[in-house]
Amino acid sequence: MRELMELLTRSLVDAPDAVDVREIEDHDTLIIELRVAPDDVGKIIGRQGRTIKALRTVLHAAAIKSNRRVQLEVVEDGPGFGPGPEAAGNAPA
């Protein structure tokens, strides 16, 4: 599953070297975390979410063959995402 997501994602983005795909086992579900360059997040999501929906559909079809549940998550790291400066202990006094 990981290789499939890497292949599809690298063909969609401008920075294929920044693509990072991780698999996490959670009971009966395989969670696939997808990280891309901040500028490529919009390309992965697509207009009105069409691209990410198509990726999830392909992943779901591949998961049926192996009789598993799969969940695809786009993890957004970078400026504007994640914990703010307060979380790092740099809260204003």
PDB file of N, CA and C in Angstrom:
ATOM      1  N   MET A   1       0.824  -1.185   0.000  1.00  0.00           N
ATOM      2  CA  MET A   1       0.000   0.000   0.000  1.00  0.00           C
ATOM      3  C   MET A   1       0.878   1.262   0.000  1.00  0.00           C
ATOM      4  N   ARG A   2       1.936   1.203   0.787  1.00  0.00           N
ATOM      5  CA  ARG A   2       2.830   2.352   0.896  1.00  0.00           C
ATOM      6  C   ARG A   2       3.448   2.691  -0.460  1.00  0.00           C
ATOM      7  N   GLU A   3       3.900   1.658  -1.173  1.00  0.00           N
ATOM      8  CA  GLU A   3       4.526   1.875  -2.467  1.00  0.00           C
ATOM      9  C   GLU A   3       3.542   2.457  -3.477  1.00  0.00           C
ATOM     10  N   LEU A   4       2.303   2.001  -3.420  1.00  0.00           N
ATOM     11  CA  LEU A   4       1.263   2.505  -4.310  1.00  0.00           C
ATOM     12  C   LEU A   4       1.024   3.993  -4.073  1.00  0.00           C
ATOM     13  N   MET A   5       0.908   4.390  -2.808  1.00  0.00           N
ATOM     14  CA  MET A   5       0.671   5.795  -2.493  1.00  0.00           C
ATOM     15  C   MET A   5       1.876   6.659  -2.883  1.00  0.00           C
ATOM     16  N   GLU A   6       3.078   6.153  -2.671  1.00  0.00           N
ATOM     17  CA  GLU A   6       4.269   6.914  -3.064  1.00  0.00           C
ATOM     18  C   GLU A   6       4.285   7.127  -4.571  1.00  0.00           C
ATOM     19  N   LEU A   7       4.010   6.094  -5.339  1.00  0.00           N
ATOM     20  CA  LEU A   7       4.019   6.197  -6.793  1.00  0.00           C
ATOM     21  C   LEU A   7       2.985   7.204  -7.286  1.00  0.00           C
ATOM     22  N   LEU A   8       1.769   7.105  -6.794  1.00  0.00           N
ATOM     23  CA  LEU A   8       0.707   8.010  -7.230  1.00  0.00           C
ATOM     24  C   LEU A   8       0.985   9.450  -6.803  1.00  0.00           C
ATOM     25  N   THR A   9       1.421   9.626  -5.571  1.00  0.00           N
ATOM     26  CA  THR A   9       1.634  10.970  -5.038  1.00  0.00           C
ATOM     27  C   THR A   9       2.809  11.661  -5.719  1.00  0.00           C
ATOM     28  N   ARG A  10       3.898  10.931  -5.917  1.00  0.00           N
ATOM     29  CA  ARG A  10       5.074  11.530  -6.565  1.00  0.00           C
ATOM     30  C   ARG A  10       4.765  12.009  -7.979  1.00  0.00           C
ATOM     31  N   SER A  11       3.817  11.350  -8.640  1.00  0.00           N
ATOM     32  CA  SER A  11       3.476  11.768 -10.000  1.00  0.00           C
ATOM     33  C   SER A  11       2.581  13.012 -10.019  1.00  0.00           C
ATOM     34  N   LEU A  12       1.990  13.370  -8.877  1.00  0.00           N
ATOM     35  CA  LEU A  12       1.079  14.509  -8.812  1.00  0.00           C
ATOM     36  C   LEU A  12       1.724  15.813  -8.357  1.00  0.00           C
ATOM     37  N   VAL A  13       2.803  15.732  -7.610  1.00  0.00           N
ATOM     38  CA  VAL A  13       3.362  16.917  -6.962  1.00  0.00           C
ATOM     39  C   VAL A  13       4.544  17.507  -7.726  1.00  0.00           C
ATOM     40  N   ASP A  14       4.904  18.754  -7.368  1.00  0.00           N
ATOM     41  CA  ASP A  14       6.058  19.416  -7.971  1.00  0.00           C
ATOM     42  C   ASP A  14       7.370  19.008  -7.298  1.00  0.00           C
ATOM     43  N   ALA A  15       7.297  18.630  -6.028  1.00  0.00           N
ATOM     44  CA  ALA A  15       8.495  18.232  -5.273  1.00  0.00           C
ATOM     45  C   ALA A  15       8.374  16.764  -4.862  1.00  0.00           C
ATOM     46  N   PRO A  16       8.640  15.833  -5.787  1.00  0.00           N
ATOM     47  CA  PRO A  16       8.466  14.408  -5.459  1.00  0.00           C
ATOM     48  C   PRO A  16       9.420  13.913  -4.372  1.00  0.00           C
ATOM     49  N   ASP A  17      10.558  14.572  -4.193  1.00  0.00           N
ATOM     50  CA  ASP A  17      11.489  14.139  -3.152  1.00  0.00           C
ATOM     51  C   ASP A  17      10.982  14.440  -1.750  1.00  0.00           C
ATOM     52  N   ALA A  18      10.011  15.347  -1.631  1.00  0.00           N
ATOM     53  CA  ALA A  18       9.467  15.721  -0.326  1.00  0.00           C
ATOM     54  C   ALA A  18       8.329  14.800   0.114  1.00  0.00           C
ATOM     55  N   VAL A  19       7.941  13.850  -0.726  1.00  0.00           N
ATOM     56  CA  VAL A  19       6.833  12.944  -0.395  1.00  0.00           C
ATOM     57  C   VAL A  19       7.304  11.945   0.652  1.00  0.00           C
ATOM     58  N   ASP A  20       6.513  11.813   1.709  1.00  0.00           N
ATOM     59  CA  ASP A  20       6.811  10.866   2.779  1.00  0.00           C
ATOM     60  C   ASP A  20       5.527  10.115   3.110  1.00  0.00           C
ATOM     61  N   VAL A  21       5.570   8.792   3.001  1.00  0.00           N
ATOM     62  CA  VAL A  21       4.404   7.962   3.277  1.00  0.00           C
ATOM     63  C   VAL A  21       4.760   7.015   4.419  1.00  0.00           C
ATOM     64  N   ARG A  22       3.911   7.004   5.441  1.00  0.00           N
ATOM     65  CA  ARG A  22       4.145   6.129   6.594  1.00  0.00           C
ATOM     66  C   ARG A  22       2.914   5.282   6.861  1.00  0.00           C
ATOM     67  N   GLU A  23       3.139   4.042   7.247  1.00  0.00           N
ATOM     68  CA  GLU A  23       2.042   3.130   7.580  1.00  0.00           C
ATOM     69  C   GLU A  23       1.999   2.937   9.092  1.00  0.00           C
ATOM     70  N   ILE A  24       0.803   3.015   9.654  1.00  0.00           N
ATOM     71  CA  ILE A  24       0.602   2.815  11.088  1.00  0.00           C
ATOM     72  C   ILE A  24      -0.479   1.759  11.264  1.00  0.00           C
ATOM     73  N   GLU A  25      -0.167   0.703  11.988  1.00  0.00           N
ATOM     74  CA  GLU A  25      -1.141  -0.351  12.280  1.00  0.00           C
ATOM     75  C   GLU A  25      -1.955   0.061  13.500  1.00  0.00           C
ATOM     76  N   ASP A  26      -3.281   0.030  13.365  1.00  0.00           N
ATOM     77  CA  ASP A  26      -4.163   0.372  14.475  1.00  0.00           C
ATOM     78  C   ASP A  26      -5.273  -0.672  14.519  1.00  0.00           C
ATOM     79  N   HIS A  27      -5.092  -1.693  15.337  1.00  0.00           N
ATOM     80  CA  HIS A  27      -6.036  -2.805  15.465  1.00  0.00           C
ATOM     81  C   HIS A  27      -6.306  -3.414  14.096  1.00  0.00           C
ATOM     82  N   ASP A  28      -7.493  -3.233  13.546  1.00  0.00           N
ATOM     83  CA  ASP A  28      -7.840  -3.846  12.270  1.00  0.00           C
ATOM     84  C   ASP A  28      -7.720  -2.867  11.105  1.00  0.00           C
ATOM     85  N   THR A  29      -7.191  -1.673  11.348  1.00  0.00           N
ATOM     86  CA  THR A  29      -7.105  -0.633  10.325  1.00  0.00           C
ATOM     87  C   THR A  29      -5.652  -0.265  10.070  1.00  0.00           C
ATOM     88  N   LEU A  30      -5.328  -0.076   8.810  1.00  0.00           N
ATOM     89  CA  LEU A  30      -4.020   0.421   8.419  1.00  0.00           C
ATOM     90  C   LEU A  30      -4.179   1.903   8.102  1.00  0.00           C
ATOM     91  N   ILE A  31      -3.484   2.747   8.848  1.00  0.00           N
ATOM     92  CA  ILE A  31      -3.539   4.190   8.629  1.00  0.00           C
ATOM     93  C   ILE A  31      -2.306   4.574   7.825  1.00  0.00           C
ATOM     94  N   ILE A  32      -2.535   5.245   6.708  1.00  0.00           N
ATOM     95  CA  ILE A  32      -1.435   5.709   5.875  1.00  0.00           C
ATOM     96  C   ILE A  32      -1.363   7.219   5.998  1.00  0.00           C
ATOM     97  N   GLU A  33      -0.234   7.705   6.517  1.00  0.00           N
ATOM     98  CA  GLU A  33      -0.007   9.137   6.657  1.00  0.00           C
ATOM     99  C   GLU A  33       0.792   9.613   5.454  1.00  0.00           C
ATOM    100  N   LEU A  34       0.294  10.643   4.810  1.00  0.00           N
ATOM    101  CA  LEU A  34       0.922  11.190   3.621  1.00  0.00           C
ATOM    102  C   LEU A  34       1.392  12.607   3.919  1.00  0.00           C
ATOM    103  N   ARG A  35       2.687  12.841   3.750  1.00  0.00           N
ATOM    104  CA  ARG A  35       3.255  14.177   3.934  1.00  0.00           C
ATOM    105  C   ARG A  35       3.865  14.625   2.617  1.00  0.00           C
ATOM    106  N   VAL A  36       3.570  15.865   2.244  1.00  0.00           N
ATOM    107  CA  VAL A  36       4.136  16.459   1.033  1.00  0.00           C
ATOM    108  C   VAL A  36       4.625  17.864   1.376  1.00  0.00           C
ATOM    109  N   ALA A  37       5.315  18.491   0.430  1.00  0.00           N
ATOM    110  CA  ALA A  37       5.759  19.865   0.629  1.00  0.00           C
ATOM    111  C   ALA A  37       4.536  20.760   0.820  1.00  0.00           C
ATOM    112  N   PRO A  38       4.649  21.805   1.639  1.00  0.00           N
ATOM    113  CA  PRO A  38       3.497  22.687   1.890  1.00  0.00           C
ATOM    114  C   PRO A  38       2.857  23.245   0.622  1.00  0.00           C
ATOM    115  N   ASP A  39       3.656  23.511  -0.395  1.00  0.00           N
ATOM    116  CA  ASP A  39       3.109  24.039  -1.648  1.00  0.00           C
ATOM    117  C   ASP A  39       2.331  22.994  -2.438  1.00  0.00           C
ATOM    118  N   ASP A  40       2.530  21.716  -2.133  1.00  0.00           N
ATOM    119  CA  ASP A  40       1.878  20.643  -2.880  1.00  0.00           C
ATOM    120  C   ASP A  40       0.613  20.106  -2.210  1.00  0.00           C
ATOM    121  N   VAL A  41       0.295  20.579  -1.028  1.00  0.00           N
ATOM    122  CA  VAL A  41      -0.885  20.076  -0.319  1.00  0.00           C
ATOM    123  C   VAL A  41      -2.150  20.304  -1.143  1.00  0.00           C
ATOM    124  N   GLY A  42      -2.261  21.467  -1.755  1.00  0.00           N
ATOM    125  CA  GLY A  42      -3.429  21.768  -2.576  1.00  0.00           C
ATOM    126  C   GLY A  42      -3.556  20.842  -3.767  1.00  0.00           C
ATOM    127  N   LYS A  43      -2.435  20.430  -4.325  1.00  0.00           N
ATOM    128  CA  LYS A  43      -2.474  19.511  -5.469  1.00  0.00           C
ATOM    129  C   LYS A  43      -2.951  18.135  -5.043  1.00  0.00           C
ATOM    130  N   ILE A  44      -2.586  17.724  -3.848  1.00  0.00           N
ATOM    131  CA  ILE A  44      -3.010  16.419  -3.353  1.00  0.00           C
ATOM    132  C   ILE A  44      -4.494  16.439  -3.019  1.00  0.00           C
ATOM    133  N   ILE A  45      -4.978  17.519  -2.460  1.00  0.00           N
ATOM    134  CA  ILE A  45      -6.395  17.606  -2.111  1.00  0.00           C
ATOM    135  C   ILE A  45      -7.235  17.826  -3.365  1.00  0.00           C
ATOM    136  N   GLY A  46      -6.807  18.693  -4.243  1.00  0.00           N
ATOM    137  CA  GLY A  46      -7.522  18.930  -5.495  1.00  0.00           C
ATOM    138  C   GLY A  46      -8.723  19.835  -5.307  1.00  0.00           C
ATOM    139  N   ARG A  47      -9.337  20.185  -6.422  1.00  0.00           N
ATOM    140  CA  ARG A  47     -10.523  21.042  -6.369  1.00  0.00           C
ATOM    141  C   ARG A  47     -11.672  20.288  -5.731  1.00  0.00           C
ATOM    142  N   GLN A  48     -12.211  20.891  -4.699  1.00  0.00           N
ATOM    143  CA  GLN A  48     -13.323  20.329  -3.932  1.00  0.00           C
ATOM    144  C   GLN A  48     -13.008  18.920  -3.426  1.00  0.00           C
ATOM    145  N   GLY A  49     -11.714  18.623  -3.222  1.00  0.00           N
ATOM    146  CA  GLY A  49     -11.309  17.340  -2.660  1.00  0.00           C
ATOM    147  C   GLY A  49     -11.363  16.172  -3.621  1.00  0.00           C
ATOM    148  N   ARG A  50     -11.447  16.444  -4.904  1.00  0.00           N
ATOM    149  CA  ARG A  50     -11.591  15.357  -5.881  1.00  0.00           C
ATOM    150  C   ARG A  50     -10.357  14.462  -5.959  1.00  0.00           C
ATOM    151  N   THR A  51      -9.167  15.048  -5.901  1.00  0.00           N
ATOM    152  CA  THR A  51      -7.948  14.247  -6.037  1.00  0.00           C
ATOM    153  C   THR A  51      -7.763  13.332  -4.838  1.00  0.00           C
ATOM    154  N   ILE A  52      -7.929  13.860  -3.630  1.00  0.00           N
ATOM    155  CA  ILE A  52      -7.756  13.017  -2.437  1.00  0.00           C
ATOM    156  C   ILE A  52      -8.834  11.943  -2.393  1.00  0.00           C
ATOM    157  N   LYS A  53     -10.024  12.259  -2.852  1.00  0.00           N
ATOM    158  CA  LYS A  53     -11.088  11.261  -2.897  1.00  0.00           C
ATOM    159  C   LYS A  53     -10.721  10.139  -3.866  1.00  0.00           C
ATOM    160  N   ALA A  54     -10.143  10.496  -5.012  1.00  0.00           N
ATOM    161  CA  ALA A  54      -9.725   9.486  -5.989  1.00  0.00           C
ATOM    162  C   ALA A  54      -8.598   8.621  -5.418  1.00  0.00           C
ATOM    163  N   LEU A  55      -7.648   9.236  -4.716  1.00  0.00           N
ATOM    164  CA  LEU A  55      -6.574   8.464  -4.091  1.00  0.00           C
ATOM    165  C   LEU A  55      -7.129   7.487  -3.062  1.00  0.00           C
ATOM    166  N   ARG A  56      -8.097   7.951  -2.276  1.00  0.00           N
ATOM    167  CA  ARG A  56      -8.708   7.068  -1.272  1.00  0.00           C
ATOM    168  C   ARG A  56      -9.476   5.932  -1.935  1.00  0.00           C
ATOM    169  N   THR A  57     -10.114   6.198  -3.072  1.00  0.00           N
ATOM    170  CA  THR A  57     -10.848   5.156  -3.790  1.00  0.00           C
ATOM    171  C   THR A  57      -9.895   4.085  -4.301  1.00  0.00           C
ATOM    172  N   VAL A  58      -8.774   4.486  -4.891  1.00  0.00           N
ATOM    173  CA  VAL A  58      -7.779   3.528  -5.376  1.00  0.00           C
ATOM    174  C   VAL A  58      -7.218   2.720  -4.209  1.00  0.00           C
ATOM    175  N   LEU A  59      -6.935   3.391  -3.115  1.00  0.00           N
ATOM    176  CA  LEU A  59      -6.398   2.714  -1.935  1.00  0.00           C
ATOM    177  C   LEU A  59      -7.410   1.717  -1.372  1.00  0.00           C
ATOM    178  N   HIS A  60      -8.673   2.121  -1.342  1.00  0.00           N
ATOM    179  CA  HIS A  60      -9.727   1.228  -0.858  1.00  0.00           C
ATOM    180  C   HIS A  60      -9.827  -0.013  -1.740  1.00  0.00           C
ATOM    181  N   ALA A  61      -9.745   0.163  -3.052  1.00  0.00           N
ATOM    182  CA  ALA A  61      -9.810  -0.971  -3.974  1.00  0.00           C
ATOM    183  C   ALA A  61      -8.638  -1.928  -3.758  1.00  0.00           C
ATOM    184  N   ALA A  62      -7.460  -1.377  -3.508  1.00  0.00           N
ATOM    185  CA  ALA A  62      -6.290  -2.215  -3.243  1.00  0.00           C
ATOM    186  C   ALA A  62      -6.424  -2.930  -1.904  1.00  0.00           C
ATOM    187  N   ALA A  63      -7.075  -2.293  -0.941  1.00  0.00           N
ATOM    188  CA  ALA A  63      -7.230  -2.888   0.392  1.00  0.00           C
ATOM    189  C   ALA A  63      -8.226  -4.041   0.375  1.00  0.00           C
ATOM    190  N   ILE A  64      -9.214  -3.973  -0.500  1.00  0.00           N
ATOM    191  CA  ILE A  64     -10.204  -5.056  -0.587  1.00  0.00           C
ATOM    192  C   ILE A  64      -9.520  -6.367  -0.950  1.00  0.00           C
ATOM    193  N   LYS A  65      -8.537  -6.283  -1.824  1.00  0.00           N
ATOM    194  CA  LYS A  65      -7.817  -7.475  -2.263  1.00  0.00           C
ATOM    195  C   LYS A  65      -7.115  -8.172  -1.089  1.00  0.00           C
ATOM    196  N   SER A  66      -6.629  -7.374  -0.135  1.00  0.00           N
ATOM    197  CA  SER A  66      -5.950  -7.950   1.026  1.00  0.00           C
ATOM    198  C   SER A  66      -6.859  -8.036   2.252  1.00  0.00           C
ATOM    199  N   ASN A  67      -8.163  -7.742   2.061  1.00  0.00           N
ATOM    200  CA  ASN A  67      -9.160  -7.870   3.128  1.00  0.00           C
ATOM    201  C   ASN A  67      -8.807  -7.030   4.362  1.00  0.00           C
ATOM    202  N   ARG A  68      -8.511  -5.743   4.129  1.00  0.00           N
ATOM    203  CA  ARG A  68      -8.135  -4.835   5.210  1.00  0.00           C
ATOM    204  C   ARG A  68      -8.895  -3.532   5.104  1.00  0.00           C
ATOM    205  N   ARG A  69      -8.982  -2.816   6.209  1.00  0.00           N
ATOM    206  CA  ARG A  69      -9.494  -1.438   6.203  1.00  0.00           C
ATOM    207  C   ARG A  69      -8.294  -0.519   6.133  1.00  0.00           C
ATOM    208  N   VAL A  70      -8.383   0.478   5.272  1.00  0.00           N
ATOM    209  CA  VAL A  70      -7.284   1.423   5.104  1.00  0.00           C
ATOM    210  C   VAL A  70      -7.833   2.836   5.202  1.00  0.00           C
ATOM    211  N   GLN A  71      -7.078   3.691   5.874  1.00  0.00           N
ATOM    212  CA  GLN A  71      -7.462   5.095   6.029  1.00  0.00           C
ATOM    213  C   GLN A  71      -6.286   5.951   5.581  1.00  0.00           C
ATOM    214  N   LEU A  72      -6.535   6.905   4.690  1.00  0.00           N
ATOM    215  CA  LEU A  72      -5.496   7.803   4.194  1.00  0.00           C
ATOM    216  C   LEU A  72      -5.655   9.166   4.856  1.00  0.00           C
ATOM    217  N   GLU A  73      -4.567   9.656   5.444  1.00  0.00           N
ATOM    218  CA  GLU A  73      -4.571  10.967   6.088  1.00  0.00           C
ATOM    219  C   GLU A  73      -3.450  11.815   5.509  1.00  0.00           C
ATOM    220  N   VAL A  74      -3.773  13.043   5.142  1.00  0.00           N
ATOM    221  CA  VAL A  74      -2.768  13.999   4.703  1.00  0.00           C
ATOM    222  C   VAL A  74      -2.334  14.775   5.941  1.00  0.00           C
ATOM    223  N   VAL A  75      -1.075  14.645   6.286  1.00  0.00           N
ATOM    224  CA  VAL A  75      -0.533  15.314   7.465  1.00  0.00           C
ATOM    225  C   VAL A  75       0.152  16.579   6.995  1.00  0.00           C
ATOM    226  N   GLU A  76      -0.317  17.709   7.510  1.00  0.00           N
ATOM    227  CA  GLU A  76       0.199  19.001   7.085  1.00  0.00           C
ATOM    228  C   GLU A  76       1.184  19.528   8.111  1.00  0.00           C
ATOM    229  N   ASP A  77       2.456  19.482   7.768  1.00  0.00           N
ATOM    230  CA  ASP A  77       3.519  20.061   8.588  1.00  0.00           C
ATOM    231  C   ASP A  77       3.979  21.327   7.897  1.00  0.00           C
ATOM    232  N   GLY A  78       4.504  22.234   8.646  1.00  0.00           N
ATOM    233  CA  GLY A  78       5.051  23.439   8.023  1.00  0.00           C
ATOM    234  C   GLY A  78       4.391  24.687   8.550  1.00  0.00           C
ATOM    235  N   PRO A  79       4.688  25.827   7.924  1.00  0.00           N
ATOM    236  CA  PRO A  79       4.164  27.105   8.403  1.00  0.00           C
ATOM    237  C   PRO A  79       2.644  27.133   8.369  1.00  0.00           C
ATOM    238  N   GLY A  80       2.073  27.571   9.466  1.00  0.00           N
ATOM    239  CA  GLY A  80       0.625  27.689   9.530  1.00  0.00           C
ATOM    240  C   GLY A  80      -0.075  26.438  10.008  1.00  0.00           C
ATOM    241  N   PHE A  81       0.669  25.366  10.220  1.00  0.00           N
ATOM    242  CA  PHE A  81       0.065  24.119  10.666  1.00  0.00           C
ATOM    243  C   PHE A  81       0.751  23.652  11.935  1.00  0.00           C
ATOM    244  N   GLY A  82       0.068  22.812  12.668  1.00  0.00           N
ATOM    245  CA  GLY A  82       0.651  22.253  13.872  1.00  0.00           C
ATOM    246  C   GLY A  82       0.532  23.191  15.047  1.00  0.00           C
ATOM    247  N   PRO A  83       1.191  22.838  16.151  1.00  0.00           N
ATOM    248  CA  PRO A  83       1.093  23.659  17.358  1.00  0.00           C
ATOM    249  C   PRO A  83       1.756  25.012  17.173  1.00  0.00           C
ATOM    250  N   GLY A  84       1.175  25.992  17.819  1.00  0.00           N
ATOM    251  CA  GLY A  84       1.694  27.352  17.730  1.00  0.00           C
ATOM    252  C   GLY A  84       2.843  27.574  18.687  1.00  0.00           C
ATOM    253  N   PRO A  85       3.318  28.799  18.797  1.00  0.00           N
ATOM    254  CA  PRO A  85       4.460  29.098  19.683  1.00  0.00           C
ATOM    255  C   PRO A  85       4.134  28.854  21.143  1.00  0.00           C
ATOM    256  N   GLU A  86       2.847  28.876  21.493  1.00  0.00           N
ATOM    257  CA  GLU A  86       2.485  28.633  22.892  1.00  0.00           C
ATOM    258  C   GLU A  86       2.865  27.221  23.316  1.00  0.00           C
ATOM    259  N   ALA A  87       2.757  26.272  22.398  1.00  0.00           N
ATOM    260  CA  ALA A  87       3.040  24.876  22.716  1.00  0.00           C
ATOM    261  C   ALA A  87       4.524  24.663  22.988  1.00  0.00           C
ATOM    262  N   ALA A  88       5.382  25.490  22.433  1.00  0.00           N
ATOM    263  CA  ALA A  88       6.815  25.339  22.618  1.00  0.00           C
ATOM    264  C   ALA A  88       7.316  26.049  23.874  1.00  0.00           C
ATOM    265  N   GLY A  89       6.414  26.623  24.635  1.00  0.00           N
ATOM    266  CA  GLY A  89       6.807  27.307  25.850  1.00  0.00           C
ATOM    267  C   GLY A  89       7.197  28.748  25.589  1.00  0.00           C
ATOM    268  N   ASN A  90       6.881  29.272  24.418  1.00  0.00           N
ATOM    269  CA  ASN A  90       7.214  30.650  24.081  1.00  0.00           C
ATOM    270  C   ASN A  90       5.996  31.561  24.157  1.00  0.00           C
ATOM    271  N   ALA A  91       5.119  31.282  25.058  1.00  0.00           N
ATOM    272  CA  ALA A  91       3.898  32.085  25.193  1.00  0.00           C
ATOM    273  C   ALA A  91       4.248  33.471  25.702  1.00  0.00           C
ATOM    274  N   PRO A  92       3.566  34.487  25.203  1.00  0.00           N
ATOM    275  CA  PRO A  92       3.828  35.845  25.694  1.00  0.00           C
ATOM    276  C   PRO A  92       3.492  35.980  27.166  1.00  0.00           C
ATOM    277  N   ALA A  93       4.278  36.791  27.852  1.00  0.00           N
ATOM    278  CA  ALA A  93       4.088  36.944  29.304  1.00  0.00           C
ATOM    279  C   ALA A  93       3.025  37.951  29.615  1.00  0.00           C
TER     280      ALA A  93
END
